[in-house]
């Protein structure tokens, strides 16, 4: 008996982010909710753009390819932290420059 091959409903967007099905919901959003104890049904209720069968397929993918999924999630966390650090330092530099310029104007 041949069994159907299930495809994982993931697509990569232009920024390299994995999205579930045709939605804008990220893979990490679904996996994080599931690992925090939400059922597939609860996730579907919280994200009405998701199809319940897609959620189950993504959870199954996580269970069968845990190392790959964890590597992807870890890389996302690392990149996010790096971007936050860059934004924070560049924002503070810009803020400092604006404050100094304002201070100089008040002195003149």
N, C-alpha and C. Protein backbone atom coordinates (compact mmCIF):
# COMPACT_ATOMS: atom_id res chain seq x y z
N UNK A 1 0.84 -1.17 0.00
CA UNK A 1 0.00 0.00 0.00
C UNK A 1 0.89 1.24 0.00
N UNK A 2 0.65 2.13 -0.94
CA UNK A 2 1.39 3.38 -0.99
C UNK A 2 0.74 4.39 -0.06
N UNK A 3 1.60 5.07 0.67
CA UNK A 3 1.11 6.13 1.55
C UNK A 3 1.41 7.48 0.91
N UNK A 4 0.48 8.40 1.05
CA UNK A 4 0.73 9.71 0.46
C UNK A 4 1.89 10.42 1.17
N UNK A 5 2.63 11.14 0.41
CA UNK A 5 3.71 11.94 0.97
C UNK A 5 3.13 13.27 1.40
N UNK A 6 3.38 13.62 2.65
CA UNK A 6 2.88 14.89 3.15
C UNK A 6 3.93 15.97 2.91
N UNK A 7 3.47 17.09 2.44
CA UNK A 7 4.38 18.21 2.27
C UNK A 7 4.22 19.16 3.44
N UNK A 8 5.32 19.78 3.82
CA UNK A 8 5.28 20.74 4.91
C UNK A 8 4.89 22.09 4.31
N UNK A 9 3.83 22.70 4.81
CA UNK A 9 3.34 23.95 4.23
C UNK A 9 4.16 25.17 4.68
N UNK A 10 5.41 25.18 4.28
CA UNK A 10 6.29 26.30 4.62
C UNK A 10 6.78 26.94 3.34
N UNK A 11 6.89 28.25 3.38
CA UNK A 11 7.47 28.96 2.25
C UNK A 11 8.40 30.02 2.80
N UNK A 12 9.44 30.28 2.05
CA UNK A 12 10.41 31.28 2.45
C UNK A 12 10.08 32.60 1.76
N UNK A 13 9.97 33.67 2.54
CA UNK A 13 9.67 34.97 1.94
C UNK A 13 10.96 35.63 1.44
N UNK A 14 10.84 36.83 0.93
CA UNK A 14 11.98 37.54 0.35
C UNK A 14 13.10 37.82 1.35
N UNK A 15 12.76 37.85 2.63
CA UNK A 15 13.76 38.13 3.67
C UNK A 15 14.33 36.85 4.27
N UNK A 16 13.93 35.69 3.75
CA UNK A 16 14.43 34.43 4.27
C UNK A 16 13.67 33.89 5.47
N UNK A 17 12.51 34.48 5.75
CA UNK A 17 11.68 34.05 6.88
C UNK A 17 10.73 32.96 6.41
N UNK A 18 10.64 31.89 7.20
CA UNK A 18 9.72 30.80 6.86
C UNK A 18 8.32 31.14 7.36
N UNK A 19 7.37 31.11 6.43
CA UNK A 19 5.96 31.40 6.72
C UNK A 19 5.15 30.12 6.56
N UNK A 20 4.07 30.01 7.32
CA UNK A 20 3.22 28.82 7.29
C UNK A 20 2.13 29.00 6.25
N UNK A 21 2.06 28.03 5.34
CA UNK A 21 1.04 28.06 4.30
C UNK A 21 1.11 29.33 3.48
N UNK A 22 -0.05 29.87 3.16
CA UNK A 22 -0.12 31.12 2.40
C UNK A 22 -0.25 32.33 3.32
N UNK A 23 -0.12 32.09 4.62
CA UNK A 23 -0.28 33.18 5.58
C UNK A 23 1.02 33.96 5.76
N UNK A 24 0.95 35.00 6.55
CA UNK A 24 2.13 35.77 6.92
C UNK A 24 2.67 35.30 8.28
N UNK A 25 2.05 34.29 8.87
CA UNK A 25 2.45 33.80 10.19
C UNK A 25 3.77 33.04 10.06
N UNK A 26 4.69 33.40 10.93
CA UNK A 26 6.03 32.82 10.88
C UNK A 26 6.06 31.42 11.53
N UNK A 27 6.97 30.61 11.03
CA UNK A 27 7.18 29.27 11.61
C UNK A 27 7.48 29.38 13.10
N UNK A 28 8.37 30.31 13.47
CA UNK A 28 8.74 30.42 14.88
C UNK A 28 7.56 30.80 15.77
N UNK A 29 6.59 31.53 15.24
CA UNK A 29 5.41 31.89 16.01
C UNK A 29 4.60 30.64 16.36
N UNK A 30 4.41 29.78 15.38
CA UNK A 30 3.63 28.55 15.60
C UNK A 30 4.39 27.61 16.54
N UNK A 31 5.66 27.40 16.30
CA UNK A 31 6.44 26.46 17.12
C UNK A 31 6.55 26.98 18.55
N UNK A 32 6.76 28.26 18.73
CA UNK A 32 6.85 28.83 20.08
C UNK A 32 5.54 28.65 20.83
N UNK A 33 4.42 28.93 20.17
CA UNK A 33 3.11 28.76 20.82
C UNK A 33 2.90 27.30 21.21
N UNK A 34 3.26 26.40 20.30
CA UNK A 34 3.07 24.97 20.58
C UNK A 34 3.95 24.52 21.75
N UNK A 35 5.20 24.97 21.77
CA UNK A 35 6.12 24.58 22.85
C UNK A 35 5.74 25.21 24.18
N UNK A 36 4.97 26.29 24.14
CA UNK A 36 4.50 26.91 25.38
C UNK A 36 3.20 26.28 25.86
N UNK A 37 2.73 25.27 25.15
CA UNK A 37 1.58 24.52 25.62
C UNK A 37 0.28 24.74 24.88
N UNK A 38 0.27 25.62 23.89
CA UNK A 38 -0.96 25.81 23.11
C UNK A 38 -1.21 24.58 22.23
N UNK A 39 -2.44 24.19 22.13
CA UNK A 39 -2.79 23.10 21.22
C UNK A 39 -2.86 23.65 19.80
N UNK A 40 -2.89 22.76 18.84
CA UNK A 40 -3.03 23.18 17.45
C UNK A 40 -4.33 23.96 17.26
N UNK A 41 -5.37 23.54 17.95
CA UNK A 41 -6.66 24.21 17.86
C UNK A 41 -6.58 25.63 18.43
N UNK A 42 -5.85 25.79 19.55
CA UNK A 42 -5.69 27.12 20.14
C UNK A 42 -4.90 28.03 19.20
N UNK A 43 -3.88 27.48 18.58
CA UNK A 43 -3.08 28.27 17.63
C UNK A 43 -3.96 28.71 16.47
N UNK A 44 -4.80 27.80 15.98
CA UNK A 44 -5.71 28.14 14.88
C UNK A 44 -6.69 29.23 15.29
N UNK A 45 -7.14 29.19 16.54
CA UNK A 45 -8.04 30.24 17.03
C UNK A 45 -7.32 31.58 17.12
N UNK A 46 -6.07 31.56 17.53
CA UNK A 46 -5.29 32.79 17.70
C UNK A 46 -4.84 33.38 16.36
N UNK A 47 -4.68 32.53 15.37
CA UNK A 47 -4.21 32.97 14.05
C UNK A 47 -5.17 32.43 13.00
N UNK A 48 -6.25 33.16 12.79
CA UNK A 48 -7.30 32.67 11.90
C UNK A 48 -6.85 32.55 10.45
N UNK A 49 -5.68 33.10 10.11
CA UNK A 49 -5.16 32.96 8.75
C UNK A 49 -4.58 31.56 8.52
N UNK A 50 -4.39 30.82 9.61
CA UNK A 50 -3.79 29.48 9.50
C UNK A 50 -4.86 28.40 9.39
N UNK A 51 -4.53 27.40 8.60
CA UNK A 51 -5.38 26.22 8.45
C UNK A 51 -4.92 25.19 9.48
N UNK A 52 -5.86 24.56 10.15
CA UNK A 52 -5.52 23.59 11.20
C UNK A 52 -4.62 22.47 10.67
N UNK A 53 -4.88 22.00 9.46
CA UNK A 53 -4.03 20.93 8.91
C UNK A 53 -2.60 21.42 8.68
N UNK A 54 -2.44 22.70 8.32
CA UNK A 54 -1.09 23.25 8.16
C UNK A 54 -0.37 23.30 9.51
N UNK A 55 -1.10 23.66 10.55
CA UNK A 55 -0.51 23.72 11.89
C UNK A 55 -0.04 22.33 12.31
N UNK A 56 -0.89 21.33 12.12
CA UNK A 56 -0.48 19.96 12.47
C UNK A 56 0.73 19.52 11.65
N UNK A 57 0.78 19.87 10.39
CA UNK A 57 1.91 19.50 9.53
C UNK A 57 3.19 20.16 10.02
N UNK A 58 3.11 21.42 10.42
CA UNK A 58 4.28 22.14 10.92
C UNK A 58 4.75 21.54 12.24
N UNK A 59 3.82 21.20 13.12
CA UNK A 59 4.20 20.55 14.39
C UNK A 59 4.85 19.20 14.10
N UNK A 60 4.29 18.44 13.17
CA UNK A 60 4.89 17.16 12.78
C UNK A 60 6.29 17.35 12.22
N UNK A 61 6.47 18.39 11.43
CA UNK A 61 7.80 18.70 10.89
C UNK A 61 8.76 19.02 12.02
N UNK A 62 8.33 19.80 12.99
CA UNK A 62 9.18 20.11 14.13
C UNK A 62 9.59 18.83 14.87
N UNK A 63 8.65 17.93 15.05
CA UNK A 63 8.96 16.68 15.75
C UNK A 63 9.92 15.79 14.97
N UNK A 64 9.82 15.82 13.65
CA UNK A 64 10.66 14.94 12.84
C UNK A 64 12.00 15.56 12.44
N UNK A 65 12.10 16.86 12.53
CA UNK A 65 13.35 17.54 12.12
C UNK A 65 13.74 18.56 13.18
N UNK A 66 13.76 18.10 14.43
CA UNK A 66 14.00 19.02 15.54
C UNK A 66 15.32 19.77 15.44
N UNK A 67 16.37 19.10 15.02
CA UNK A 67 17.67 19.78 14.92
C UNK A 67 17.63 20.91 13.90
N UNK A 68 17.02 20.66 12.75
CA UNK A 68 16.91 21.69 11.72
C UNK A 68 16.07 22.87 12.19
N UNK A 69 14.94 22.56 12.81
CA UNK A 69 14.05 23.62 13.27
C UNK A 69 14.73 24.43 14.37
N UNK A 70 15.37 23.76 15.32
CA UNK A 70 16.06 24.47 16.40
C UNK A 70 17.19 25.34 15.86
N UNK A 71 17.91 24.84 14.86
CA UNK A 71 18.98 25.64 14.25
C UNK A 71 18.40 26.90 13.60
N UNK A 72 17.30 26.74 12.90
CA UNK A 72 16.63 27.88 12.26
C UNK A 72 16.16 28.88 13.31
N UNK A 73 15.51 28.39 14.37
CA UNK A 73 15.01 29.27 15.42
C UNK A 73 16.16 29.98 16.14
N UNK A 74 17.24 29.27 16.41
CA UNK A 74 18.40 29.87 17.07
C UNK A 74 19.02 30.95 16.21
N UNK A 75 19.10 30.71 14.93
CA UNK A 75 19.66 31.71 14.01
C UNK A 75 18.77 32.95 13.99
N UNK A 76 17.46 32.77 14.01
CA UNK A 76 16.54 33.91 14.06
C UNK A 76 16.74 34.74 15.32
N UNK A 77 16.90 34.06 16.45
CA UNK A 77 17.11 34.77 17.72
C UNK A 77 18.43 35.54 17.67
N UNK A 78 19.47 34.91 17.13
CA UNK A 78 20.78 35.57 17.04
C UNK A 78 20.70 36.80 16.14
N UNK A 79 20.07 36.65 14.98
CA UNK A 79 19.95 37.78 14.04
C UNK A 79 19.11 38.90 14.64
N UNK A 80 18.05 38.56 15.34
CA UNK A 80 17.20 39.58 15.97
C UNK A 80 17.98 40.35 17.03
N UNK A 81 18.74 39.64 17.84
CA UNK A 81 19.54 40.31 18.88
C UNK A 81 20.58 41.22 18.25
N UNK A 82 21.19 40.76 17.18
CA UNK A 82 22.18 41.56 16.47
C UNK A 82 21.56 42.83 15.89
N UNK A 83 20.40 42.71 15.28
CA UNK A 83 19.71 43.87 14.72
C UNK A 83 19.28 44.85 15.81
N UNK A 84 18.79 44.31 16.93
CA UNK A 84 18.40 45.19 18.04
C UNK A 84 19.61 45.96 18.57
N UNK A 85 20.74 45.28 18.69
CA UNK A 85 21.95 45.94 19.18
C UNK A 85 22.40 47.02 18.21
N UNK A 86 22.36 46.73 16.92
CA UNK A 86 22.74 47.73 15.92
C UNK A 86 21.79 48.91 15.95
N UNK A 87 20.51 48.64 16.02
CA UNK A 87 19.51 49.72 16.04
C UNK A 87 19.68 50.56 17.29
N UNK A 88 19.86 49.90 18.41
CA UNK A 88 19.98 50.61 19.68
C UNK A 88 21.20 51.52 19.67
N UNK A 89 22.34 51.01 19.24
CA UNK A 89 23.55 51.83 19.26
C UNK A 89 23.46 52.96 18.25
N UNK A 90 22.90 52.69 17.06
CA UNK A 90 22.79 53.76 16.06
C UNK A 90 21.75 54.80 16.49
N UNK A 91 20.69 54.37 17.16
CA UNK A 91 19.68 55.31 17.64
C UNK A 91 20.25 56.20 18.73
N UNK A 92 21.05 55.62 19.60
CA UNK A 92 21.65 56.40 20.68
C UNK A 92 22.65 57.41 20.13
N UNK A 93 23.41 57.03 19.12
CA UNK A 93 24.36 57.95 18.51
C UNK A 93 23.59 59.11 17.88
N UNK A 94 22.55 58.80 17.13
CA UNK A 94 21.74 59.85 16.51
C UNK A 94 21.11 60.75 17.54
N UNK A 95 20.61 60.16 18.61
CA UNK A 95 19.99 60.94 19.68
C UNK A 95 21.03 61.85 20.32
N UNK A 96 22.19 61.33 20.59
CA UNK A 96 23.26 62.13 21.20
C UNK A 96 23.61 63.31 20.31
N UNK A 97 23.73 63.06 19.01
CA UNK A 97 24.07 64.14 18.08
C UNK A 97 22.97 65.21 18.04
N UNK A 98 21.72 64.78 18.06
CA UNK A 98 20.62 65.74 18.05
C UNK A 98 20.59 66.57 19.32
N UNK A 99 20.83 65.92 20.46
CA UNK A 99 20.83 66.64 21.73
C UNK A 99 21.98 67.64 21.79
N UNK A 100 23.16 67.23 21.32
CA UNK A 100 24.30 68.15 21.30
C UNK A 100 24.02 69.33 20.38
N UNK A 101 23.42 69.09 19.23
CA UNK A 101 23.10 70.17 18.31
C UNK A 101 22.09 71.12 18.94
N UNK A 102 21.09 70.58 19.62
CA UNK A 102 20.10 71.41 20.28
C UNK A 102 20.76 72.24 21.39
N UNK A 103 21.64 71.61 22.13
CA UNK A 103 22.37 72.30 23.20
C UNK A 103 23.20 73.44 22.63
N UNK A 104 23.89 73.18 21.51
CA UNK A 104 24.71 74.22 20.86
C UNK A 104 23.83 75.38 20.42
N UNK A 105 22.64 75.10 19.91
CA UNK A 105 21.74 76.18 19.44
C UNK A 105 21.26 77.03 20.61
N UNK A 106 21.02 76.40 21.75
CA UNK A 106 20.55 77.17 22.89
C UNK A 106 21.64 78.05 23.48
N UNK A 107 22.89 77.65 23.28
CA UNK A 107 24.01 78.45 23.79
C UNK A 107 24.29 79.65 22.90
N UNK A 108 23.91 79.58 21.63
CA UNK A 108 24.21 80.70 20.73
C UNK A 108 23.17 81.76 20.74
